Amino acid sequence: MKQKEKIIFKKLESNNLILNEFTVKHINKRYISWLNDQETVKFSRQKFFKHSRSSCLNYYKSFIKDGNILLAIILKDKNLHIGNIGITIDFRNMIADIAIIIGEKKNRSRGLGGEAWNLVIKSLIQSPFLKKITAGTVKSNKPMIKLMQNSKMTFDGSRKKHFLMGKNYEDLVYYAIYI
């Protein structure tokens, strides 16, 4: 699987961003603060956990050990790590599932998440190891739904009342691109 990872991803670059392999060096106080900020992770399962350097290292090691890819989103003009894209790859079924976080609040709603997302989609579409790219979110996460739709992903199903938001359960919605 490690060889397939390297074939799928190297360094991705756009006008404003560089996407590099996420490494231990990215696990710093600022990164950990993103994961502990309830506003930042309100649509994520991460909101249910208290994060520390140790918990982040454990997650990172287990994520990449299973052949998945974690990319750091770097703002090119400031060389600043502003977020991550995680790609869970099921090589057996030829499916990649993508997730994104823009941790740096001042860099949200600027189109940078979409720019990073589209770089990853474009790269994944070229992979001979994949037939489908997926992503999902809760139905109330309108910015994420817009991001998926703008990347040409189409609605692929839902799970009713599946994710706890406050005191109520919300539907999870899934989008996909079939290659």
Foldseek 3Di string as FASTA:
>chain_A
DVVLVVVLDAWFDDPFKIKHFDDLVPLDPLVLVLLCDCVQQLFHPSPVDRDDSVVVVVVVVVLVVQVKTKIFIAGPVVRHGQWIKTWRADLVQQEIEIDITGSHVVPPPPCSVLVVVLRSVVSSVPRPSHFKYKYKTFPPPVVVVVSCVVSVWAWDDKDAQDDDRPNGGTIMTMTMDGD
